[in-house]
Amino acid sequence: MPLWDDNPLKLPKLPLVTWGLMVANVLVYIFTASAPAEMSPAIMNFALTPANVTGVPINATPVPPALTFVTYMFLHANFWHLLGNMIFLWVFGDDVEEAMGPLRFIAFYIGSGIVAGLAFTASAPHSQQALVGASGAIAGVLAAYLMFRPCQKVAVFVPYILLWFVIRPVVRLDAFWVLGAWILMQFWSISVQTHDDVAYMAHVGGLVSGAALFPLLRYRAVRLFECFRPAEEQPASNQIG
């Protein structure tokens, strides 16, 4: 579980969009969690259900099924689902917002979430299982961060009890190790057909979207994989004999 990177709250501009997305997700969760039980079916109409998109809607929905490709991103199954997504957005979202600016970051985030929803729908077009959560959009943010700052140090909490006595519970690793391991886990889970109610295909869709959109939406001065590039040669200084 990532906790922070090496430059928290040290950006030239406040990441207002990242914070705004976090606030929106939290407020929606508070509303849905505190709503009466009889409202739950109505709330779930805002989730993304592939069968509603590809065929005759299984329920009358208050919004067009196409709009659920956006609304599902702000719903979460439980507190831990919300907390995990918001931690990832807190750690990595501000840097990506810095690399492209607030307006393009909004488009990037929503676009990644939509592609994630499309990937989930394409993987099971007749499924009646609803998709909720911001993880597809956040997967796009992770792909962008990996292309932007792959060598940035990220503090990671190690939850394994045995490791607690061997190393510190919080370690600092390069981002490409942290995010690379997370990405490999998504593909591994798909390959072994893990059935744990996690929408891995949505994560993959978000990753692909983020990798495709970030080079197009970043500021021109932002270089990709900069820490892997050879250092530019410095001009030789004059020697005084």
C-alpha atoms as a PDB file:
ATOM      1  CA  MET A   1       0.000   0.000   0.000  1.00  0.00           C
ATOM      2  CA  PRO A   2       1.624   3.314  -1.064  1.00  0.00           C
ATOM      3  CA  LEU A   3       1.552   6.082   1.525  1.00  0.00           C
ATOM      4  CA  TRP A   4       3.280   9.076  -0.089  1.00  0.00           C
ATOM      5  CA  ASP A   5       5.960   9.979  -2.610  1.00  0.00           C
ATOM      6  CA  ASP A   6       9.013  12.169  -2.146  1.00  0.00           C
ATOM      7  CA  ASN A   7       7.343  15.485  -2.885  1.00  0.00           C
ATOM      8  CA  PRO A   8       4.045  15.643  -0.979  1.00  0.00           C
ATOM      9  CA  LEU A   9       2.555  19.154  -0.913  1.00  0.00           C
ATOM     10  CA  LYS A  10       5.649  20.659  -2.565  1.00  0.00           C
ATOM     11  CA  LEU A  11       4.223  21.292  -6.034  1.00  0.00           C
ATOM     12  CA  PRO A  12       4.241  24.828  -7.521  1.00  0.00           C
ATOM     13  CA  LYS A  13       0.426  24.748  -7.703  1.00  0.00           C
ATOM     14  CA  LEU A  14      -2.055  23.112  -5.395  1.00  0.00           C
ATOM     15  CA  PRO A  15      -3.585  19.957  -6.945  1.00  0.00           C
ATOM     16  CA  LEU A  16      -7.122  21.278  -6.621  1.00  0.00           C
ATOM     17  CA  VAL A  17      -8.631  18.834  -9.116  1.00  0.00           C
ATOM     18  CA  THR A  18      -7.115  15.822  -7.365  1.00  0.00           C
ATOM     19  CA  TRP A  19      -8.414  17.056  -4.024  1.00  0.00           C
ATOM     20  CA  GLY A  20     -11.782  17.884  -5.572  1.00  0.00           C
ATOM     21  CA  LEU A  21     -12.128  14.354  -6.965  1.00  0.00           C
ATOM     22  CA  MET A  22     -11.304  12.932  -3.552  1.00  0.00           C
ATOM     23  CA  VAL A  23     -13.884  15.153  -1.867  1.00  0.00           C
ATOM     24  CA  ALA A  24     -16.519  14.212  -4.458  1.00  0.00           C
ATOM     25  CA  ASN A  25     -15.904  10.495  -3.939  1.00  0.00           C
ATOM     26  CA  VAL A  26     -16.066  10.850  -0.157  1.00  0.00           C
ATOM     27  CA  LEU A  27     -19.271  12.916  -0.244  1.00  0.00           C
ATOM     28  CA  VAL A  28     -20.984  10.447  -2.575  1.00  0.00           C
ATOM     29  CA  TYR A  29     -19.942   7.584  -0.311  1.00  0.00           C
ATOM     30  CA  ILE A  30     -21.267   9.350   2.790  1.00  0.00           C
ATOM     31  CA  PHE A  31     -24.575   9.938   1.014  1.00  0.00           C
ATOM     32  CA  THR A  32     -24.909   6.350  -0.214  1.00  0.00           C
ATOM     33  CA  ALA A  33     -23.770   4.808   3.078  1.00  0.00           C
ATOM     34  CA  SER A  34     -26.215   6.872   5.117  1.00  0.00           C
ATOM     35  CA  ALA A  35     -29.157   6.439   2.737  1.00  0.00           C
ATOM     36  CA  PRO A  36     -32.068   4.232   3.860  1.00  0.00           C
ATOM     37  CA  ALA A  37     -31.916   0.600   2.753  1.00  0.00           C
ATOM     38  CA  GLU A  38     -34.890   1.053   0.427  1.00  0.00           C
ATOM     39  CA  MET A  39     -32.837   3.554  -1.603  1.00  0.00           C
ATOM     40  CA  SER A  40     -30.045   1.074  -2.358  1.00  0.00           C
ATOM     41  CA  PRO A  41     -31.623  -0.285  -5.587  1.00  0.00           C
ATOM     42  CA  ALA A  42     -32.082   3.267  -6.885  1.00  0.00           C
ATOM     43  CA  ILE A  43     -28.479   4.176  -6.037  1.00  0.00           C
ATOM     44  CA  MET A  44     -27.168   1.077  -7.821  1.00  0.00           C
ATOM     45  CA  ASN A  45     -28.886   2.248 -11.011  1.00  0.00           C
ATOM     46  CA  PHE A  46     -25.966   4.684 -11.279  1.00  0.00           C
ATOM     47  CA  ALA A  47     -23.499   1.780 -11.353  1.00  0.00           C
ATOM     48  CA  LEU A  48     -22.273   0.398 -14.688  1.00  0.00           C
ATOM     49  CA  THR A  49     -24.084  -2.829 -15.589  1.00  0.00           C
ATOM     50  CA  PRO A  50     -22.983  -4.307 -18.945  1.00  0.00           C
ATOM     51  CA  ALA A  51     -26.403  -5.865 -19.626  1.00  0.00           C
ATOM     52  CA  ASN A  52     -27.999  -2.432 -19.345  1.00  0.00           C
ATOM     53  CA  VAL A  53     -25.567  -1.052 -21.915  1.00  0.00           C
ATOM     54  CA  THR A  54     -25.525  -3.837 -24.480  1.00  0.00           C
ATOM     55  CA  GLY A  55     -29.126  -5.092 -24.335  1.00  0.00           C
ATOM     56  CA  VAL A  56     -32.554  -4.351 -22.954  1.00  0.00           C
ATOM     57  CA  PRO A  57     -32.041  -2.677 -19.546  1.00  0.00           C
ATOM     58  CA  ILE A  58     -32.746  -5.098 -16.726  1.00  0.00           C
ATOM     59  CA  ASN A  59     -34.147  -2.212 -14.679  1.00  0.00           C
ATOM     60  CA  ALA A  60     -35.619   1.148 -15.525  1.00  0.00           C
ATOM     61  CA  THR A  61     -32.728   3.523 -14.830  1.00  0.00           C
ATOM     62  CA  PRO A  62     -33.041   7.220 -13.893  1.00  0.00           C
ATOM     63  CA  VAL A  63     -30.141   8.030 -16.216  1.00  0.00           C
ATOM     64  CA  PRO A  64     -29.311   6.753 -19.711  1.00  0.00           C
ATOM     65  CA  PRO A  65     -27.127   3.606 -19.493  1.00  0.00           C
ATOM     66  CA  ALA A  66     -24.368   5.426 -21.396  1.00  0.00           C
ATOM     67  CA  LEU A  67     -24.126   7.992 -18.594  1.00  0.00           C
ATOM     68  CA  THR A  68     -23.293   5.255 -16.092  1.00  0.00           C
ATOM     69  CA  PHE A  69     -19.847   5.088 -17.704  1.00  0.00           C
ATOM     70  CA  VAL A  70     -19.212   8.269 -15.681  1.00  0.00           C
ATOM     71  CA  THR A  71     -21.431   7.898 -12.628  1.00  0.00           C
ATOM     72  CA  TYR A  72     -20.046   4.477 -11.634  1.00  0.00           C
ATOM     73  CA  MET A  73     -16.649   6.044 -10.875  1.00  0.00           C
ATOM     74  CA  PHE A  74     -18.029   7.897  -7.855  1.00  0.00           C
ATOM     75  CA  LEU A  75     -19.723   4.911  -6.196  1.00  0.00           C
ATOM     76  CA  HIS A  76     -17.881   2.553  -3.842  1.00  0.00           C
ATOM     77  CA  ALA A  77     -18.894  -0.765  -2.343  1.00  0.00           C
ATOM     78  CA  ASN A  78     -17.653  -0.064   1.188  1.00  0.00           C
ATOM     79  CA  PHE A  79     -15.325   2.105   3.244  1.00  0.00           C
ATOM     80  CA  TRP A  80     -12.214   0.028   2.540  1.00  0.00           C
ATOM     81  CA  HIS A  81     -12.876   0.127  -1.183  1.00  0.00           C
ATOM     82  CA  LEU A  82     -13.098   3.921  -0.989  1.00  0.00           C
ATOM     83  CA  LEU A  83     -10.038   4.251   1.257  1.00  0.00           C
ATOM     84  CA  GLY A  84      -7.794   2.165  -0.994  1.00  0.00           C
ATOM     85  CA  ASN A  85      -8.749   4.121  -4.101  1.00  0.00           C
ATOM     86  CA  MET A  86      -8.376   7.500  -2.413  1.00  0.00           C
ATOM     87  CA  ILE A  87      -4.918   6.640  -1.073  1.00  0.00           C
ATOM     88  CA  PHE A  88      -3.719   5.826  -4.589  1.00  0.00           C
ATOM     89  CA  LEU A  89      -5.274   9.033  -5.934  1.00  0.00           C
ATOM     90  CA  TRP A  90      -3.714  11.058  -3.083  1.00  0.00           C
ATOM     91  CA  VAL A  91      -0.219   9.684  -3.694  1.00  0.00           C
ATOM     92  CA  PHE A  92      -0.098   9.755  -7.492  1.00  0.00           C
ATOM     93  CA  GLY A  93      -2.808  12.126  -8.712  1.00  0.00           C
ATOM     94  CA  ASP A  94      -1.145  15.428  -7.795  1.00  0.00           C
ATOM     95  CA  ASP A  95       1.971  14.711  -9.872  1.00  0.00           C
ATOM     96  CA  VAL A  96      -0.043  13.751 -12.933  1.00  0.00           C
ATOM     97  CA  GLU A  97      -2.202  16.859 -12.538  1.00  0.00           C
ATOM     98  CA  GLU A  98       0.997  18.916 -12.382  1.00  0.00           C
ATOM     99  CA  ALA A  99       2.197  17.343 -15.640  1.00  0.00           C
ATOM    100  CA  MET A 100      -0.883  18.310 -17.676  1.00  0.00           C
ATOM    101  CA  GLY A 101      -2.778  21.044 -15.839  1.00  0.00           C
ATOM    102  CA  PRO A 102      -6.181  20.899 -14.131  1.00  0.00           C
ATOM    103  CA  LEU A 103      -8.544  20.969 -17.115  1.00  0.00           C
ATOM    104  CA  ARG A 104      -6.714  18.330 -19.109  1.00  0.00           C
ATOM    105  CA  PHE A 105      -6.350  16.242 -15.961  1.00  0.00           C
ATOM    106  CA  ILE A 106     -10.136  16.186 -15.528  1.00  0.00           C
ATOM    107  CA  ALA A 107     -10.524  15.019 -19.135  1.00  0.00           C
ATOM    108  CA  PHE A 108      -7.749  12.465 -18.630  1.00  0.00           C
ATOM    109  CA  TYR A 109      -9.291  11.077 -15.434  1.00  0.00           C
ATOM    110  CA  ILE A 110     -12.823  10.806 -16.817  1.00  0.00           C
ATOM    111  CA  GLY A 111     -11.539   9.430 -20.127  1.00  0.00           C
ATOM    112  CA  SER A 112      -9.532   6.725 -18.387  1.00  0.00           C
ATOM    113  CA  GLY A 113     -12.560   5.787 -16.316  1.00  0.00           C
ATOM    114  CA  ILE A 114     -14.769   5.556 -19.410  1.00  0.00           C
ATOM    115  CA  VAL A 115     -12.286   3.313 -21.222  1.00  0.00           C
ATOM    116  CA  ALA A 116     -12.030   1.169 -18.088  1.00  0.00           C
ATOM    117  CA  GLY A 117     -15.815   0.794 -18.129  1.00  0.00           C
ATOM    118  CA  LEU A 118     -15.752  -0.102 -21.817  1.00  0.00           C
ATOM    119  CA  ALA A 119     -13.118  -2.772 -21.187  1.00  0.00           C
ATOM    120  CA  PHE A 120     -15.201  -4.228 -18.362  1.00  0.00           C
ATOM    121  CA  THR A 121     -18.321  -4.247 -20.542  1.00  0.00           C
ATOM    122  CA  ALA A 122     -16.499  -5.821 -23.493  1.00  0.00           C
ATOM    123  CA  SER A 123     -15.141  -8.594 -21.261  1.00  0.00           C
ATOM    124  CA  ALA A 124     -18.655  -9.632 -20.160  1.00  0.00           C
ATOM    125  CA  PRO A 125     -21.216  -7.855 -22.356  1.00  0.00           C
ATOM    126  CA  HIS A 126     -24.251  -9.680 -20.941  1.00  0.00           C
ATOM    127  CA  SER A 127     -23.216  -9.594 -17.291  1.00  0.00           C
ATOM    128  CA  GLN A 128     -25.652  -8.268 -14.714  1.00  0.00           C
ATOM    129  CA  GLN A 129     -22.834  -7.653 -12.233  1.00  0.00           C
ATOM    130  CA  ALA A 130     -22.575  -3.926 -11.528  1.00  0.00           C
ATOM    131  CA  LEU A 131     -19.241  -2.118 -11.655  1.00  0.00           C
ATOM    132  CA  VAL A 132     -18.521   0.590  -9.084  1.00  0.00           C
ATOM    133  CA  GLY A 133     -15.386   2.412  -7.987  1.00  0.00           C
ATOM    134  CA  ALA A 134     -12.745   4.855  -9.146  1.00  0.00           C
ATOM    135  CA  SER A 135     -10.027   2.237  -9.631  1.00  0.00           C
ATOM    136  CA  GLY A 136     -10.333   2.191 -13.445  1.00  0.00           C
ATOM    137  CA  ALA A 137      -9.749   5.942 -13.672  1.00  0.00           C
ATOM    138  CA  ILE A 138      -7.000   5.732 -11.058  1.00  0.00           C
ATOM    139  CA  ALA A 139      -5.318   2.959 -13.068  1.00  0.00           C
ATOM    140  CA  GLY A 140      -4.933   5.542 -15.830  1.00  0.00           C
ATOM    141  CA  VAL A 141      -3.312   7.884 -13.299  1.00  0.00           C
ATOM    142  CA  LEU A 142      -0.883   5.125 -12.292  1.00  0.00           C
ATOM    143  CA  ALA A 143       0.120   4.524 -15.918  1.00  0.00           C
ATOM    144  CA  ALA A 144       0.746   8.249 -16.356  1.00  0.00           C
ATOM    145  CA  TYR A 145       2.794   8.483 -13.155  1.00  0.00           C
ATOM    146  CA  LEU A 146       4.893   5.518 -14.254  1.00  0.00           C
ATOM    147  CA  MET A 147       5.671   7.290 -17.538  1.00  0.00           C
ATOM    148  CA  PHE A 148       6.274  10.629 -15.802  1.00  0.00           C
ATOM    149  CA  ARG A 149       8.270   9.785 -12.669  1.00  0.00           C
ATOM    150  CA  PRO A 150       9.249   6.104 -12.734  1.00  0.00           C
ATOM    151  CA  CYS A 151      12.250   6.653 -10.442  1.00  0.00           C
ATOM    152  CA  GLN A 152      10.426   8.730  -7.825  1.00  0.00           C
ATOM    153  CA  LYS A 153      10.734   7.242  -4.349  1.00  0.00           C
ATOM    154  CA  VAL A 154       7.433   6.046  -2.908  1.00  0.00           C
ATOM    155  CA  ALA A 155       6.899   5.131   0.740  1.00  0.00           C
ATOM    156  CA  VAL A 156       5.129   1.775   0.908  1.00  0.00           C
ATOM    157  CA  PHE A 157       3.525   0.081   3.901  1.00  0.00           C
ATOM    158  CA  VAL A 158       4.487  -3.601   4.148  1.00  0.00           C
ATOM    159  CA  PRO A 159       1.512  -5.389   5.707  1.00  0.00           C
ATOM    160  CA  TYR A 160       3.073  -8.802   6.164  1.00  0.00           C
ATOM    161  CA  ILE A 161       3.637  -9.634   9.835  1.00  0.00           C
ATOM    162  CA  LEU A 162       6.738 -11.739   9.198  1.00  0.00           C
ATOM    163  CA  LEU A 163       8.445  -8.894   7.357  1.00  0.00           C
ATOM    164  CA  TRP A 164       7.637  -6.537  10.235  1.00  0.00           C
ATOM    165  CA  PHE A 165      10.419  -8.102  12.286  1.00  0.00           C
ATOM    166  CA  VAL A 166      12.923  -8.208   9.415  1.00  0.00           C
ATOM    167  CA  ILE A 167      12.618  -4.761   7.867  1.00  0.00           C
ATOM    168  CA  ARG A 168      10.846  -1.550   8.712  1.00  0.00           C
ATOM    169  CA  PRO A 169       7.078  -1.662   8.079  1.00  0.00           C
ATOM    170  CA  VAL A 170       7.429   1.394   5.801  1.00  0.00           C
ATOM    171  CA  VAL A 171      10.022   1.185   3.030  1.00  0.00           C
ATOM    172  CA  ARG A 172      10.936   3.537   0.194  1.00  0.00           C
ATOM    173  CA  LEU A 173      10.989   2.045  -3.291  1.00  0.00           C
ATOM    174  CA  ASP A 174      11.239   3.410  -6.823  1.00  0.00           C
ATOM    175  CA  ALA A 175       7.823   3.981  -8.357  1.00  0.00           C
ATOM    176  CA  PHE A 176       8.495   1.546 -11.176  1.00  0.00           C
ATOM    177  CA  TRP A 177       8.843  -1.289  -8.650  1.00  0.00           C
ATOM    178  CA  VAL A 178       5.663  -0.328  -6.776  1.00  0.00           C
ATOM    179  CA  LEU A 179       3.478   0.316  -9.807  1.00  0.00           C
ATOM    180  CA  GLY A 180       5.111  -2.388 -11.905  1.00  0.00           C
ATOM    181  CA  ALA A 181       4.219  -4.967  -9.258  1.00  0.00           C
ATOM    182  CA  TRP A 182       0.633  -3.682  -9.141  1.00  0.00           C
ATOM    183  CA  ILE A 183       0.306  -3.860 -12.937  1.00  0.00           C
ATOM    184  CA  LEU A 184       1.728  -7.380 -13.101  1.00  0.00           C
ATOM    185  CA  MET A 185      -0.720  -8.449 -10.408  1.00  0.00           C
ATOM    186  CA  GLN A 186      -3.643  -7.293 -12.559  1.00  0.00           C
ATOM    187  CA  PHE A 187      -2.542  -9.385 -15.543  1.00  0.00           C
ATOM    188  CA  TRP A 188      -1.715 -12.357 -13.314  1.00  0.00           C
ATOM    189  CA  SER A 189      -5.163 -12.229 -11.732  1.00  0.00           C
ATOM    190  CA  ILE A 190      -6.776 -12.226 -15.190  1.00  0.00           C
ATOM    191  CA  SER A 191      -4.628 -15.131 -16.370  1.00  0.00           C
ATOM    192  CA  VAL A 192      -5.591 -17.330 -13.413  1.00  0.00           C
ATOM    193  CA  GLN A 193      -9.210 -16.138 -13.552  1.00  0.00           C
ATOM    194  CA  THR A 194      -9.290 -14.896  -9.986  1.00  0.00           C
ATOM    195  CA  HIS A 195     -12.862 -14.644  -8.694  1.00  0.00           C
ATOM    196  CA  ASP A 196     -12.655 -12.061  -5.924  1.00  0.00           C
ATOM    197  CA  ASP A 197     -15.179  -9.470  -7.166  1.00  0.00           C
ATOM    198  CA  VAL A 198     -12.363  -7.196  -8.402  1.00  0.00           C
ATOM    199  CA  ALA A 199     -12.823  -5.869 -11.952  1.00  0.00           C
ATOM    200  CA  TYR A 200      -9.315  -6.517 -13.253  1.00  0.00           C
ATOM    201  CA  MET A 201     -10.329  -5.900 -16.866  1.00  0.00           C
ATOM    202  CA  ALA A 202     -11.432  -2.401 -15.871  1.00  0.00           C
ATOM    203  CA  HIS A 203      -7.995  -1.834 -14.356  1.00  0.00           C
ATOM    204  CA  VAL A 204      -6.327  -2.974 -17.573  1.00  0.00           C
ATOM    205  CA  GLY A 205      -8.579  -0.704 -19.619  1.00  0.00           C
ATOM    206  CA  GLY A 206      -7.659   2.244 -17.412  1.00  0.00           C
ATOM    207  CA  LEU A 207      -3.955   1.439 -17.700  1.00  0.00           C
ATOM    208  CA  VAL A 208      -4.108   1.278 -21.499  1.00  0.00           C
ATOM    209  CA  SER A 209      -6.093   4.509 -21.667  1.00  0.00           C
ATOM    210  CA  GLY A 210      -3.697   6.311 -19.325  1.00  0.00           C
ATOM    211  CA  ALA A 211      -0.654   5.163 -21.293  1.00  0.00           C
ATOM    212  CA  ALA A 212      -2.242   6.367 -24.537  1.00  0.00           C
ATOM    213  CA  LEU A 213      -3.622   9.684 -23.279  1.00  0.00           C
ATOM    214  CA  PHE A 214      -0.761  10.925 -21.115  1.00  0.00           C
ATOM    215  CA  PRO A 215       1.721  11.545 -23.971  1.00  0.00           C
ATOM    216  CA  LEU A 216      -0.990  13.528 -25.778  1.00  0.00           C
ATOM    217  CA  LEU A 217      -2.211  15.634 -22.843  1.00  0.00           C
ATOM    218  CA  ARG A 218       1.023  16.340 -20.955  1.00  0.00           C
ATOM    219  CA  TYR A 219       2.740  19.688 -21.187  1.00  0.00           C
ATOM    220  CA  ARG A 220       5.332  19.747 -23.951  1.00  0.00           C
ATOM    221  CA  ALA A 221       8.112  20.359 -21.431  1.00  0.00           C
ATOM    222  CA  VAL A 222       7.272  17.119 -19.593  1.00  0.00           C
ATOM    223  CA  ARG A 223       9.590  14.359 -20.740  1.00  0.00           C
ATOM    224  CA  LEU A 224       8.645  10.695 -20.584  1.00  0.00           C
ATOM    225  CA  PHE A 225      10.804   8.261 -18.602  1.00  0.00           C
ATOM    226  CA  GLU A 226      13.273  11.097 -17.984  1.00  0.00           C
ATOM    227  CA  CYS A 227      15.235   9.300 -15.265  1.00  0.00           C
ATOM    228  CA  PHE A 228      16.029   6.489 -17.698  1.00  0.00           C
ATOM    229  CA  ARG A 229      17.502   8.868 -20.279  1.00  0.00           C
ATOM    230  CA  PRO A 230      21.270   9.394 -20.402  1.00  0.00           C
ATOM    231  CA  ALA A 231      22.394  12.621 -18.781  1.00  0.00           C
ATOM    232  CA  GLU A 232      22.943  15.395 -21.255  1.00  0.00           C
ATOM    233  CA  GLU A 233      26.570  16.273 -21.747  1.00  0.00           C
ATOM    234  CA  GLN A 234      27.594  19.428 -20.015  1.00  0.00           C
ATOM    235  CA  PRO A 235      29.843  21.875 -21.914  1.00  0.00           C
ATOM    236  CA  ALA A 236      33.471  21.621 -20.841  1.00  0.00           C
ATOM    237  CA  SER A 237      34.659  24.452 -18.626  1.00  0.00           C
ATOM    238  CA  ASN A 238      37.736  26.495 -19.535  1.00  0.00           C
ATOM    239  CA  GLN A 239      40.949  25.306 -17.930  1.00  0.00           C
ATOM    240  CA  ILE A 240      43.318  27.884 -16.488  1.00  0.00           C
ATOM    241  CA  GLY A 241      46.993  26.889 -16.677  1.00  0.00           C
END
